Amino acid sequence: MKKLVLLSDLNIEGNFLLEKKIQELLGKPSAKLGYIPSQLDRERKYFSAAKLHFNRLGFQEFLYFDLDEDYDERLIDELLHCDAIYLSGGNTFCFLENLKVKNVLSLIRDVVDQGKLLIGMSAGGIIMSSNIQIAGLIDENENGLTDLDSLDLVDFDFMPHWDGVHSIEELVAYSTQNHKSVYACQDGNGLVVVGETVESYGDIICIQRGSKYE
């Protein structure tokens, strides 16, 4: 059974129910996280900051699995043996291209099929959909990526960093045009998918083919 967490950002300390749910899905007090950044974090600045958040959730060991200049194919086996995998934020188009070039999408799907937890933040959450077309509303396609097909783990699109008002008309139009549901998530909140069940934790709206549902 697939276990997915889609976050707008990592600052979820005030969302106790979401933290508790993630710990429940992890199912162990001490775990190892495979951290996949969207692009090279040369000084490990974002990696170090993320570890502080994940320590709260029960992660004590971490693997930094780079897809960019520091890519090391020898780490694949270690990645596959992590208890959970995290897909970072960043430019969604650049992230997806790196995942495709290194043939990592199928590895991630295998991990999910094994019932391990997959956590995606911002761009990492968007990539869980069938394609990343919605990223065009918030990111520049700097690399001119044409194949936008992604993990295809959920049948909806995810919009992070929603501020409660801005871009709602765009999201309704996007949902109507593409015949897809869209979950718009404010920072500090997230979605949890277990099997085919979707649970919202915090200020999230669901737009279903142009109709808004809280």
N, C-alpha and C. Protein backbone atom coordinates (compact mmCIF):
# COMPACT_ATOMS: atom_id res chain seq x y z
N MET A 1 0.85 -1.20 0.00
CA MET A 1 0.00 0.00 0.00
C MET A 1 0.88 1.25 0.00
N LYS A 2 0.62 2.16 -0.93
CA LYS A 2 1.46 3.35 -1.02
C LYS A 2 1.21 4.30 0.16
N LYS A 3 2.29 4.94 0.58
CA LYS A 3 2.25 5.90 1.68
C LYS A 3 3.00 7.14 1.24
N LEU A 4 2.26 8.23 1.05
CA LEU A 4 2.82 9.46 0.53
C LEU A 4 2.49 10.63 1.43
N VAL A 5 3.42 11.56 1.54
CA VAL A 5 3.18 12.82 2.25
C VAL A 5 3.60 13.96 1.33
N LEU A 6 2.68 14.89 1.08
CA LEU A 6 2.96 16.04 0.23
C LEU A 6 2.91 17.29 1.10
N LEU A 7 4.02 18.01 1.19
CA LEU A 7 4.12 19.17 2.06
C LEU A 7 4.36 20.44 1.25
N SER A 8 3.85 21.55 1.76
CA SER A 8 4.13 22.84 1.14
C SER A 8 5.50 23.35 1.56
N ASP A 9 5.85 23.14 2.83
CA ASP A 9 7.18 23.43 3.33
C ASP A 9 7.47 22.50 4.50
N LEU A 10 8.67 22.59 5.08
CA LEU A 10 9.04 21.68 6.16
C LEU A 10 8.71 22.20 7.55
N ASN A 11 8.29 23.44 7.64
CA ASN A 11 8.01 24.03 8.94
C ASN A 11 6.60 23.64 9.40
N ILE A 12 6.47 22.38 9.86
CA ILE A 12 5.16 21.86 10.26
C ILE A 12 5.08 21.63 11.77
N GLU A 13 6.01 22.25 12.53
CA GLU A 13 6.07 22.00 13.96
C GLU A 13 4.75 22.29 14.69
N GLY A 14 3.97 23.27 14.18
CA GLY A 14 2.71 23.59 14.83
C GLY A 14 1.56 22.70 14.42
N ASN A 15 1.79 21.84 13.42
CA ASN A 15 0.74 20.96 12.92
C ASN A 15 0.94 19.58 13.56
N PHE A 16 0.49 19.47 14.80
CA PHE A 16 0.77 18.26 15.58
C PHE A 16 0.14 17.01 14.98
N LEU A 17 -1.05 17.15 14.42
CA LEU A 17 -1.72 15.99 13.83
C LEU A 17 -0.94 15.46 12.63
N LEU A 18 -0.39 16.37 11.83
CA LEU A 18 0.39 15.97 10.67
C LEU A 18 1.68 15.29 11.10
N GLU A 19 2.36 15.86 12.09
CA GLU A 19 3.58 15.24 12.60
C GLU A 19 3.29 13.83 13.14
N LYS A 20 2.21 13.72 13.89
CA LYS A 20 1.85 12.43 14.46
C LYS A 20 1.55 11.42 13.37
N LYS A 21 0.87 11.86 12.31
CA LYS A 21 0.52 10.94 11.21
C LYS A 21 1.78 10.46 10.50
N ILE A 22 2.74 11.35 10.27
CA ILE A 22 3.99 10.96 9.61
C ILE A 22 4.74 9.94 10.46
N GLN A 23 4.78 10.17 11.77
CA GLN A 23 5.45 9.23 12.67
C GLN A 23 4.75 7.88 12.67
N GLU A 24 3.43 7.92 12.58
CA GLU A 24 2.65 6.68 12.53
C GLU A 24 2.95 5.90 11.25
N LEU A 25 3.03 6.60 10.12
CA LEU A 25 3.33 5.95 8.85
C LEU A 25 4.74 5.39 8.82
N LEU A 26 5.65 6.08 9.49
CA LEU A 26 7.03 5.62 9.54
C LEU A 26 7.12 4.32 10.32
N GLY A 27 6.39 4.26 11.43
CA GLY A 27 6.24 3.02 12.17
C GLY A 27 7.42 2.56 12.97
N LYS A 28 8.40 3.44 13.20
CA LYS A 28 9.55 3.09 14.02
C LYS A 28 10.14 4.35 14.65
N PRO A 29 10.70 4.25 15.84
CA PRO A 29 11.20 5.43 16.55
C PRO A 29 12.49 6.00 15.98
N SER A 30 13.25 5.20 15.27
CA SER A 30 14.51 5.66 14.70
C SER A 30 14.64 5.13 13.28
N ALA A 31 14.80 6.03 12.32
CA ALA A 31 14.76 5.61 10.92
C ALA A 31 15.82 6.35 10.11
N LYS A 32 16.02 5.86 8.87
CA LYS A 32 16.99 6.46 7.95
C LYS A 32 16.25 7.06 6.77
N LEU A 33 16.60 8.30 6.42
CA LEU A 33 15.93 9.02 5.34
C LEU A 33 16.88 9.21 4.17
N GLY A 34 16.41 8.86 2.98
CA GLY A 34 17.15 9.15 1.76
C GLY A 34 16.72 10.51 1.25
N TYR A 35 17.63 11.47 1.28
CA TYR A 35 17.34 12.87 0.92
C TYR A 35 17.78 13.13 -0.52
N ILE A 36 16.82 13.45 -1.39
CA ILE A 36 17.13 13.73 -2.79
C ILE A 36 16.86 15.21 -3.06
N PRO A 37 17.91 16.01 -3.26
CA PRO A 37 17.71 17.44 -3.55
C PRO A 37 17.37 17.66 -5.02
N SER A 38 16.68 18.75 -5.30
CA SER A 38 16.31 19.05 -6.68
C SER A 38 17.53 19.40 -7.51
N GLN A 39 18.49 20.09 -6.90
CA GLN A 39 19.74 20.47 -7.54
C GLN A 39 20.85 20.41 -6.51
N LEU A 40 22.07 20.50 -6.96
CA LEU A 40 23.22 20.40 -6.06
C LEU A 40 23.15 21.44 -4.94
N ASP A 41 23.29 20.97 -3.73
CA ASP A 41 23.36 21.81 -2.53
C ASP A 41 24.81 21.72 -2.04
N ARG A 42 25.68 22.47 -2.71
CA ARG A 42 27.11 22.28 -2.53
C ARG A 42 27.56 22.39 -1.08
N GLU A 43 27.03 23.38 -0.37
CA GLU A 43 27.41 23.58 1.03
C GLU A 43 26.51 22.79 1.98
N ARG A 44 25.58 22.03 1.42
CA ARG A 44 24.62 21.24 2.21
C ARG A 44 23.81 22.13 3.15
N LYS A 45 23.58 23.36 2.74
CA LYS A 45 22.83 24.32 3.56
C LYS A 45 21.40 23.85 3.80
N TYR A 46 20.71 23.51 2.72
CA TYR A 46 19.31 23.10 2.83
C TYR A 46 19.19 21.71 3.45
N PHE A 47 20.16 20.88 3.16
CA PHE A 47 20.19 19.53 3.74
C PHE A 47 20.32 19.62 5.26
N SER A 48 21.21 20.46 5.75
CA SER A 48 21.40 20.61 7.20
C SER A 48 20.14 21.14 7.86
N ALA A 49 19.49 22.11 7.22
CA ALA A 49 18.25 22.67 7.77
C ALA A 49 17.14 21.63 7.80
N ALA A 50 17.06 20.82 6.75
CA ALA A 50 16.02 19.78 6.67
C ALA A 50 16.20 18.74 7.76
N LYS A 51 17.45 18.38 8.06
CA LYS A 51 17.70 17.36 9.07
C LYS A 51 17.14 17.75 10.43
N LEU A 52 17.17 19.03 10.75
CA LEU A 52 16.63 19.49 12.03
C LEU A 52 15.14 19.21 12.11
N HIS A 53 14.43 19.42 11.00
CA HIS A 53 12.99 19.15 10.97
C HIS A 53 12.72 17.64 11.06
N PHE A 54 13.50 16.86 10.33
CA PHE A 54 13.24 15.43 10.29
C PHE A 54 13.66 14.71 11.56
N ASN A 55 14.58 15.28 12.31
CA ASN A 55 14.92 14.71 13.61
C ASN A 55 13.69 14.63 14.50
N ARG A 56 12.84 15.63 14.40
CA ARG A 56 11.61 15.67 15.20
C ARG A 56 10.67 14.52 14.85
N LEU A 57 10.77 14.04 13.64
CA LEU A 57 9.84 13.01 13.16
C LEU A 57 10.36 11.59 13.37
N GLY A 58 11.59 11.47 13.89
CA GLY A 58 12.12 10.15 14.19
C GLY A 58 13.24 9.69 13.28
N PHE A 59 13.74 10.57 12.43
CA PHE A 59 14.85 10.21 11.55
C PHE A 59 16.17 10.55 12.23
N GLN A 60 17.03 9.55 12.35
CA GLN A 60 18.32 9.74 13.00
C GLN A 60 19.49 9.57 12.03
N GLU A 61 19.26 8.89 10.92
CA GLU A 61 20.30 8.69 9.91
C GLU A 61 19.82 9.29 8.58
N PHE A 62 20.80 9.80 7.81
CA PHE A 62 20.45 10.46 6.56
C PHE A 62 21.44 10.09 5.45
N LEU A 63 20.89 9.93 4.25
CA LEU A 63 21.71 9.73 3.06
C LEU A 63 21.43 10.88 2.10
N TYR A 64 22.47 11.64 1.75
CA TYR A 64 22.33 12.70 0.76
C TYR A 64 22.60 12.08 -0.61
N PHE A 65 21.56 12.02 -1.44
CA PHE A 65 21.66 11.37 -2.74
C PHE A 65 21.52 12.42 -3.83
N ASP A 66 22.65 12.91 -4.31
CA ASP A 66 22.65 14.00 -5.27
C ASP A 66 22.38 13.50 -6.69
N LEU A 67 21.66 14.31 -7.47
CA LEU A 67 21.37 13.99 -8.86
C LEU A 67 22.16 14.86 -9.82
N ASP A 68 22.98 15.74 -9.27
CA ASP A 68 23.66 16.76 -10.05
C ASP A 68 25.15 16.44 -10.13
N GLU A 69 25.99 17.39 -9.81
CA GLU A 69 27.43 17.22 -9.96
C GLU A 69 28.02 16.16 -9.03
N ASP A 70 27.37 15.94 -7.87
CA ASP A 70 27.89 14.98 -6.90
C ASP A 70 27.20 13.61 -7.00
N TYR A 71 26.59 13.33 -8.14
CA TYR A 71 25.90 12.06 -8.31
C TYR A 71 26.87 10.88 -8.17
N ASP A 72 26.47 9.88 -7.40
CA ASP A 72 27.30 8.69 -7.19
C ASP A 72 26.41 7.46 -7.31
N GLU A 73 26.53 6.77 -8.43
CA GLU A 73 25.69 5.59 -8.70
C GLU A 73 25.85 4.51 -7.64
N ARG A 74 26.99 4.49 -6.96
CA ARG A 74 27.25 3.47 -5.94
C ARG A 74 26.33 3.61 -4.73
N LEU A 75 25.66 4.75 -4.60
CA LEU A 75 24.78 4.99 -3.45
C LEU A 75 23.35 4.50 -3.68
N ILE A 76 23.06 4.00 -4.88
CA ILE A 76 21.69 3.59 -5.20
C ILE A 76 21.20 2.50 -4.25
N ASP A 77 22.01 1.51 -4.01
CA ASP A 77 21.60 0.41 -3.13
C ASP A 77 21.29 0.92 -1.73
N GLU A 78 22.12 1.84 -1.23
CA GLU A 78 21.87 2.41 0.09
C GLU A 78 20.58 3.21 0.10
N LEU A 79 20.31 3.93 -0.99
CA LEU A 79 19.07 4.69 -1.10
C LEU A 79 17.86 3.77 -1.01
N LEU A 80 17.91 2.66 -1.72
CA LEU A 80 16.79 1.72 -1.76
C LEU A 80 16.55 1.05 -0.41
N HIS A 81 17.54 1.03 0.45
CA HIS A 81 17.39 0.42 1.77
C HIS A 81 17.04 1.43 2.86
N CYS A 82 16.85 2.69 2.49
CA CYS A 82 16.39 3.69 3.47
C CYS A 82 14.95 3.39 3.87
N ASP A 83 14.56 3.85 5.04
CA ASP A 83 13.19 3.63 5.52
C ASP A 83 12.20 4.54 4.82
N ALA A 84 12.67 5.68 4.33
CA ALA A 84 11.81 6.63 3.63
C ALA A 84 12.67 7.46 2.69
N ILE A 85 12.04 8.05 1.70
CA ILE A 85 12.74 8.93 0.75
C ILE A 85 12.05 10.29 0.77
N TYR A 86 12.88 11.32 0.68
CA TYR A 86 12.39 12.70 0.66
C TYR A 86 12.80 13.37 -0.64
N LEU A 87 11.84 14.01 -1.31
CA LEU A 87 12.09 14.79 -2.51
C LEU A 87 11.99 16.26 -2.13
N SER A 88 13.04 17.02 -2.34
CA SER A 88 13.11 18.39 -1.84
C SER A 88 12.32 19.37 -2.70
N GLY A 89 12.32 20.62 -2.27
CA GLY A 89 11.77 21.70 -3.05
C GLY A 89 12.80 22.21 -4.04
N GLY A 90 12.42 23.25 -4.78
CA GLY A 90 13.31 23.82 -5.79
C GLY A 90 12.54 24.05 -7.08
N ASN A 91 13.25 24.22 -8.17
CA ASN A 91 12.60 24.38 -9.47
C ASN A 91 12.11 23.01 -9.94
N THR A 92 10.81 22.88 -10.13
CA THR A 92 10.21 21.58 -10.44
C THR A 92 10.70 21.03 -11.77
N PHE A 93 10.89 21.90 -12.76
CA PHE A 93 11.32 21.45 -14.08
C PHE A 93 12.76 20.91 -14.03
N CYS A 94 13.64 21.63 -13.33
CA CYS A 94 15.02 21.17 -13.20
C CYS A 94 15.09 19.85 -12.42
N PHE A 95 14.25 19.76 -11.37
CA PHE A 95 14.23 18.55 -10.55
C PHE A 95 13.81 17.35 -11.38
N LEU A 96 12.71 17.49 -12.12
CA LEU A 96 12.22 16.38 -12.93
C LEU A 96 13.24 15.97 -13.98
N GLU A 97 13.90 16.93 -14.59
CA GLU A 97 14.91 16.59 -15.60
C GLU A 97 16.05 15.79 -14.96
N ASN A 98 16.51 16.19 -13.78
CA ASN A 98 17.58 15.45 -13.10
C ASN A 98 17.14 14.03 -12.76
N LEU A 99 15.90 13.88 -12.32
CA LEU A 99 15.37 12.55 -12.00
C LEU A 99 15.31 11.66 -13.24
N LYS A 100 14.95 12.26 -14.38
CA LYS A 100 14.86 11.50 -15.62
C LYS A 100 16.25 11.12 -16.15
N VAL A 101 17.15 12.07 -16.13
CA VAL A 101 18.50 11.82 -16.66
C VAL A 101 19.19 10.70 -15.89
N LYS A 102 18.98 10.66 -14.58
CA LYS A 102 19.63 9.64 -13.76
C LYS A 102 18.76 8.39 -13.59
N ASN A 103 17.62 8.32 -14.30
CA ASN A 103 16.73 7.15 -14.26
C ASN A 103 16.29 6.79 -12.84
N VAL A 104 15.96 7.80 -12.08
CA VAL A 104 15.60 7.59 -10.67
C VAL A 104 14.09 7.46 -10.47
N LEU A 105 13.28 7.90 -11.42
CA LEU A 105 11.83 7.83 -11.25
C LEU A 105 11.37 6.39 -10.98
N SER A 106 11.88 5.44 -11.75
CA SER A 106 11.47 4.05 -11.56
C SER A 106 11.94 3.51 -10.21
N LEU A 107 13.10 3.96 -9.74
CA LEU A 107 13.58 3.53 -8.43
C LEU A 107 12.65 4.01 -7.32
N ILE A 108 12.19 5.24 -7.45
CA ILE A 108 11.27 5.80 -6.45
C ILE A 108 9.95 5.03 -6.46
N ARG A 109 9.45 4.72 -7.65
CA ARG A 109 8.21 3.95 -7.73
C ARG A 109 8.38 2.58 -7.07
N ASP A 110 9.52 1.97 -7.25
CA ASP A 110 9.79 0.67 -6.62
C ASP A 110 9.75 0.79 -5.09
N VAL A 111 10.33 1.86 -4.57
CA VAL A 111 10.33 2.09 -3.12
C VAL A 111 8.90 2.24 -2.60
N VAL A 112 8.08 2.98 -3.34
CA VAL A 112 6.68 3.17 -2.95
C VAL A 112 5.93 1.85 -3.01
N ASP A 113 6.19 1.05 -4.05
CA ASP A 113 5.54 -0.25 -4.20
C ASP A 113 5.89 -1.18 -3.03
N GLN A 114 7.05 -0.98 -2.44
CA GLN A 114 7.46 -1.78 -1.29
C GLN A 114 6.78 -1.34 0.00
N GLY A 115 5.99 -0.27 -0.07
CA GLY A 115 5.27 0.21 1.10
C GLY A 115 6.06 1.19 1.95
N LYS A 116 7.21 1.64 1.42
CA LYS A 116 8.00 2.62 2.18
C LYS A 116 7.42 4.02 1.98
N LEU A 117 7.74 4.89 2.91
CA LEU A 117 7.18 6.24 2.92
C LEU A 117 7.93 7.15 1.95
N LEU A 118 7.18 7.90 1.14
CA LEU A 118 7.74 8.91 0.25
C LEU A 118 7.20 10.27 0.66
N ILE A 119 8.10 11.20 0.95
CA ILE A 119 7.74 12.55 1.37
C ILE A 119 8.22 13.53 0.30
N GLY A 120 7.34 14.40 -0.16
CA GLY A 120 7.71 15.40 -1.15
C GLY A 120 7.34 16.78 -0.67
N MET A 121 8.28 17.71 -0.74
CA MET A 121 8.02 19.08 -0.30
C MET A 121 8.03 20.02 -1.51
N SER A 122 6.96 20.77 -1.68
CA SER A 122 6.85 21.74 -2.77
C SER A 122 7.06 21.05 -4.12
N ALA A 123 8.17 21.30 -4.80
CA ALA A 123 8.44 20.63 -6.09
C ALA A 123 8.38 19.12 -5.95
N GLY A 124 8.88 18.61 -4.82
CA GLY A 124 8.86 17.16 -4.59
C GLY A 124 7.45 16.61 -4.50
N GLY A 125 6.51 17.43 -4.02
CA GLY A 125 5.11 17.02 -3.98
C GLY A 125 4.46 17.09 -5.35
N ILE A 126 4.78 18.14 -6.10
CA ILE A 126 4.23 18.29 -7.44
C ILE A 126 4.61 17.10 -8.33
N ILE A 127 5.84 16.60 -8.16
CA ILE A 127 6.35 15.51 -8.99
C ILE A 127 5.61 14.19 -8.74
N MET A 128 4.86 14.08 -7.66
CA MET A 128 4.10 12.85 -7.41
C MET A 128 2.92 12.69 -8.35
N SER A 129 2.52 13.77 -9.04
CA SER A 129 1.40 13.71 -9.97
C SER A 129 1.81 13.03 -11.28
N SER A 130 0.85 12.89 -12.18
CA SER A 130 1.14 12.23 -13.46
C SER A 130 2.05 13.09 -14.34
N ASN A 131 1.96 14.40 -14.18
CA ASN A 131 2.86 15.31 -14.89
C ASN A 131 3.00 16.59 -14.05
N ILE A 132 3.94 17.45 -14.43
CA ILE A 132 4.21 18.65 -13.62
C ILE A 132 3.73 19.92 -14.32
N GLN A 133 2.72 19.79 -15.16
CA GLN A 133 2.23 20.95 -15.91
C GLN A 133 1.86 22.10 -14.98
N ILE A 134 1.30 21.82 -13.82
CA ILE A 134 0.86 22.86 -12.91
C ILE A 134 2.03 23.70 -12.38
N ALA A 135 3.24 23.14 -12.44
CA ALA A 135 4.41 23.88 -11.97
C ALA A 135 4.63 25.15 -12.78
N GLY A 136 4.09 25.20 -13.99
CA GLY A 136 4.23 26.39 -14.82
C GLY A 136 3.58 27.62 -14.20
N LEU A 137 2.71 27.43 -13.21
CA LEU A 137 2.07 28.57 -12.54
C LEU A 137 2.98 29.21 -11.51
N ILE A 138 4.03 28.50 -11.10
CA ILE A 138 4.91 29.07 -10.05
C ILE A 138 6.39 28.99 -10.40
N ASP A 139 6.78 28.16 -11.36
CA ASP A 139 8.19 27.98 -11.72
C ASP A 139 8.43 28.34 -13.18
N GLU A 140 9.68 28.73 -13.47
CA GLU A 140 10.10 28.94 -14.85
C GLU A 140 10.69 27.64 -15.39
N ASN A 141 10.30 27.30 -16.60
CA ASN A 141 10.87 26.12 -17.26
C ASN A 141 12.21 26.52 -17.87
N GLU A 142 13.19 26.71 -16.99
CA GLU A 142 14.48 27.27 -17.39
C GLU A 142 15.23 26.38 -18.38
N ASN A 143 15.03 25.08 -18.28
CA ASN A 143 15.78 24.16 -19.12
C ASN A 143 14.99 23.71 -20.37
N GLY A 144 13.80 24.29 -20.57
CA GLY A 144 13.01 23.96 -21.75
C GLY A 144 12.57 22.51 -21.80
N LEU A 145 12.28 21.94 -20.63
CA LEU A 145 11.85 20.54 -20.55
C LEU A 145 10.53 20.35 -21.30
N THR A 146 10.47 19.36 -22.18
CA THR A 146 9.25 19.12 -22.96
C THR A 146 8.47 17.90 -22.46
N ASP A 147 9.17 16.90 -21.93
CA ASP A 147 8.50 15.72 -21.39
C ASP A 147 8.21 15.98 -19.91
N LEU A 148 6.97 16.31 -19.60
CA LEU A 148 6.59 16.69 -18.24
C LEU A 148 6.00 15.53 -17.44
N ASP A 149 5.98 14.32 -18.01
CA ASP A 149 5.47 13.16 -17.28
C ASP A 149 6.34 12.89 -16.05
N SER A 150 5.70 12.60 -14.92
CA SER A 150 6.45 12.42 -13.68
C SER A 150 6.10 11.09 -13.01
N LEU A 151 5.99 11.06 -11.68
CA LEU A 151 5.87 9.78 -10.97
C LEU A 151 4.52 9.08 -11.15
N ASP A 152 3.46 9.85 -11.36
CA ASP A 152 2.12 9.28 -11.56
C ASP A 152 1.69 8.42 -10.37
N LEU A 153 1.88 8.95 -9.17
CA LEU A 153 1.49 8.22 -7.96
C LEU A 153 0.14 8.66 -7.43
N VAL A 154 -0.33 9.84 -7.84
CA VAL A 154 -1.64 10.35 -7.41
C VAL A 154 -2.40 10.85 -8.62
N ASP A 155 -3.73 10.89 -8.52
CA ASP A 155 -4.56 11.29 -9.66
C ASP A 155 -5.00 12.75 -9.55
N PHE A 156 -4.27 13.55 -8.78
CA PHE A 156 -4.57 14.98 -8.65
C PHE A 156 -3.28 15.76 -8.79
N ASP A 157 -3.40 17.08 -8.88
CA ASP A 157 -2.23 17.95 -8.91
C ASP A 157 -2.11 18.68 -7.57
N PHE A 158 -0.90 19.03 -7.23
CA PHE A 158 -0.58 19.65 -5.94
C PHE A 158 -0.02 21.04 -6.16
N MET A 159 -0.60 22.04 -5.47
CA MET A 159 -0.12 23.40 -5.56
C MET A 159 0.35 23.86 -4.17
N PRO A 160 1.67 23.94 -3.96
CA PRO A 160 2.19 24.38 -2.66
C PRO A 160 2.21 25.90 -2.54
N HIS A 161 2.45 26.37 -1.33
CA HIS A 161 2.65 27.80 -1.03
C HIS A 161 1.43 28.65 -1.38
N TRP A 162 0.25 28.05 -1.31
CA TRP A 162 -0.96 28.81 -1.60
C TRP A 162 -1.22 29.76 -0.45
N ASP A 163 -1.46 31.04 -0.73
CA ASP A 163 -1.58 32.04 0.32
C ASP A 163 -3.01 32.31 0.77
N GLY A 164 -3.94 31.51 0.29
CA GLY A 164 -5.32 31.66 0.73
C GLY A 164 -6.19 32.47 -0.20
N VAL A 165 -5.57 33.30 -1.02
CA VAL A 165 -6.34 34.14 -1.95
C VAL A 165 -5.71 34.14 -3.33
N HIS A 166 -4.41 34.44 -3.38
CA HIS A 166 -3.71 34.60 -4.66
C HIS A 166 -3.81 33.36 -5.54
N SER A 167 -4.08 33.57 -6.80
CA SER A 167 -4.07 32.56 -7.87
C SER A 167 -5.23 31.58 -7.84
N ILE A 168 -6.26 31.83 -7.00
CA ILE A 168 -7.37 30.88 -6.96
C ILE A 168 -8.07 30.80 -8.32
N GLU A 169 -8.20 31.95 -9.01
CA GLU A 169 -8.84 31.93 -10.33
C GLU A 169 -8.02 31.11 -11.32
N GLU A 170 -6.70 31.24 -11.23
CA GLU A 170 -5.83 30.45 -12.10
C GLU A 170 -6.00 28.96 -11.84
N LEU A 171 -6.11 28.60 -10.57
CA LEU A 171 -6.24 27.19 -10.22
C LEU A 171 -7.57 26.62 -10.70
N VAL A 172 -8.63 27.39 -10.56
CA VAL A 172 -9.94 26.95 -11.04
C VAL A 172 -9.91 26.76 -12.55
N ALA A 173 -9.31 27.72 -13.25
CA ALA A 173 -9.21 27.61 -14.71
C ALA A 173 -8.36 26.41 -15.10
N TYR A 174 -7.25 26.20 -14.40
CA TYR A 174 -6.37 25.07 -14.69
C TYR A 174 -7.11 23.75 -14.47
N SER A 175 -7.82 23.64 -13.36
CA SER A 175 -8.55 22.42 -13.04
C SER A 175 -9.61 22.13 -14.10
N THR A 176 -10.32 23.17 -14.53
CA THR A 176 -11.37 23.01 -15.53
C THR A 176 -10.78 22.58 -16.87
N GLN A 177 -9.71 23.25 -17.28
CA GLN A 177 -9.10 22.98 -18.59
C GLN A 177 -8.49 21.59 -18.65
N ASN A 178 -7.89 21.14 -17.54
CA ASN A 178 -7.16 19.87 -17.55
C ASN A 178 -7.95 18.71 -16.95
N HIS A 179 -9.18 18.98 -16.50
CA HIS A 179 -10.04 17.93 -15.95
C HIS A 179 -9.35 17.17 -14.82
N LYS A 180 -8.68 17.92 -13.95
CA LYS A 180 -7.97 17.31 -12.82
C LYS A 180 -8.30 18.06 -11.54
N SER A 181 -8.34 17.30 -10.45
CA SER A 181 -8.49 17.94 -9.15
C SER A 181 -7.16 18.56 -8.75
N VAL A 182 -7.25 19.67 -8.01
CA VAL A 182 -6.05 20.36 -7.53
C VAL A 182 -6.19 20.60 -6.04
N TYR A 183 -5.19 20.19 -5.29
CA TYR A 183 -5.13 20.51 -3.87
C TYR A 183 -4.16 21.67 -3.69
N ALA A 184 -4.68 22.78 -3.15
CA ALA A 184 -3.86 23.96 -2.88
C ALA A 184 -3.55 24.00 -1.39
N CYS A 185 -2.27 24.04 -1.08
CA CYS A 185 -1.82 23.84 0.30
C CYS A 185 -1.03 25.04 0.80
N GLN A 186 -1.42 25.54 1.96
CA GLN A 186 -0.67 26.62 2.58
C GLN A 186 0.54 26.06 3.31
N ASP A 187 1.56 26.90 3.49
CA ASP A 187 2.75 26.48 4.21
C ASP A 187 2.40 26.05 5.63
N GLY A 188 3.09 25.02 6.11
CA GLY A 188 2.83 24.48 7.43
C GLY A 188 1.83 23.34 7.43
N ASN A 189 1.29 23.03 6.26
CA ASN A 189 0.26 22.01 6.16
C ASN A 189 0.63 20.96 5.11
N GLY A 190 -0.21 19.94 4.96
CA GLY A 190 0.13 18.92 4.00
C GLY A 190 -0.97 17.91 3.74
N LEU A 191 -0.72 17.05 2.76
CA LEU A 191 -1.61 15.96 2.41
C LEU A 191 -0.94 14.64 2.74
N VAL A 192 -1.74 13.67 3.15
CA VAL A 192 -1.25 12.31 3.37
C VAL A 192 -2.10 11.37 2.52
N VAL A 193 -1.43 10.55 1.72
CA VAL A 193 -2.12 9.57 0.88
C VAL A 193 -1.72 8.18 1.35
N VAL A 194 -2.72 7.40 1.75
CA VAL A 194 -2.50 6.01 2.14
C VAL A 194 -3.40 5.16 1.26
N GLY A 195 -2.79 4.36 0.40
CA GLY A 195 -3.59 3.64 -0.58
C GLY A 195 -4.23 4.63 -1.52
N GLU A 196 -5.55 4.64 -1.57
CA GLU A 196 -6.27 5.60 -2.41
C GLU A 196 -6.96 6.68 -1.58
N THR A 197 -6.69 6.70 -0.27
CA THR A 197 -7.33 7.67 0.62
C THR A 197 -6.45 8.91 0.76
N VAL A 198 -7.05 10.08 0.58
CA VAL A 198 -6.34 11.36 0.70
C VAL A 198 -6.85 12.09 1.94
N GLU A 199 -5.93 12.44 2.84
CA GLU A 199 -6.28 13.17 4.05
C GLU A 199 -5.59 14.53 4.06
N SER A 200 -6.34 15.57 4.43
CA SER A 200 -5.80 16.92 4.50
C SER A 200 -5.49 17.28 5.94
N TYR A 201 -4.34 17.92 6.15
CA TYR A 201 -3.93 18.36 7.47
C TYR A 201 -3.61 19.85 7.42
N GLY A 202 -4.59 20.68 7.79
CA GLY A 202 -4.39 22.13 7.80
C GLY A 202 -5.24 22.84 6.77
N ASP A 203 -4.78 24.04 6.40
CA ASP A 203 -5.53 24.90 5.49
C ASP A 203 -5.27 24.51 4.04
N ILE A 204 -6.14 23.65 3.54
CA ILE A 204 -6.00 23.12 2.18
C ILE A 204 -7.37 23.17 1.51
N ILE A 205 -7.39 23.58 0.26
CA ILE A 205 -8.64 23.51 -0.49
C ILE A 205 -8.48 22.51 -1.62
N CYS A 206 -9.58 21.92 -2.01
CA CYS A 206 -9.58 20.99 -3.14
C CYS A 206 -10.49 21.56 -4.23
N ILE A 207 -9.93 21.69 -5.41
CA ILE A 207 -10.69 22.17 -6.57
C ILE A 207 -10.91 20.99 -7.50
N GLN A 208 -12.15 20.65 -7.72
CA GLN A 208 -12.48 19.50 -8.55
C GLN A 208 -13.15 19.97 -9.84
N ARG A 209 -12.37 19.99 -10.91
CA ARG A 209 -12.86 20.40 -12.22
C ARG A 209 -13.62 21.72 -12.15
N GLY A 210 -13.00 22.69 -11.48
CA GLY A 210 -13.55 24.04 -11.43
C GLY A 210 -14.43 24.32 -10.25
N SER A 211 -14.78 23.31 -9.44
CA SER A 211 -15.60 23.53 -8.26
C SER A 211 -14.72 23.45 -7.01
N LYS A 212 -14.84 24.42 -6.11
CA LYS A 212 -13.99 24.50 -4.94
C LYS A 212 -14.64 23.80 -3.75
N TYR A 213 -13.88 22.96 -3.10
CA TYR A 213 -14.34 22.27 -1.89
C TYR A 213 -13.31 22.49 -0.81
N GLU A 214 -13.75 22.79 0.43
CA GLU A 214 -12.82 22.97 1.54
C GLU A 214 -12.34 21.61 2.02
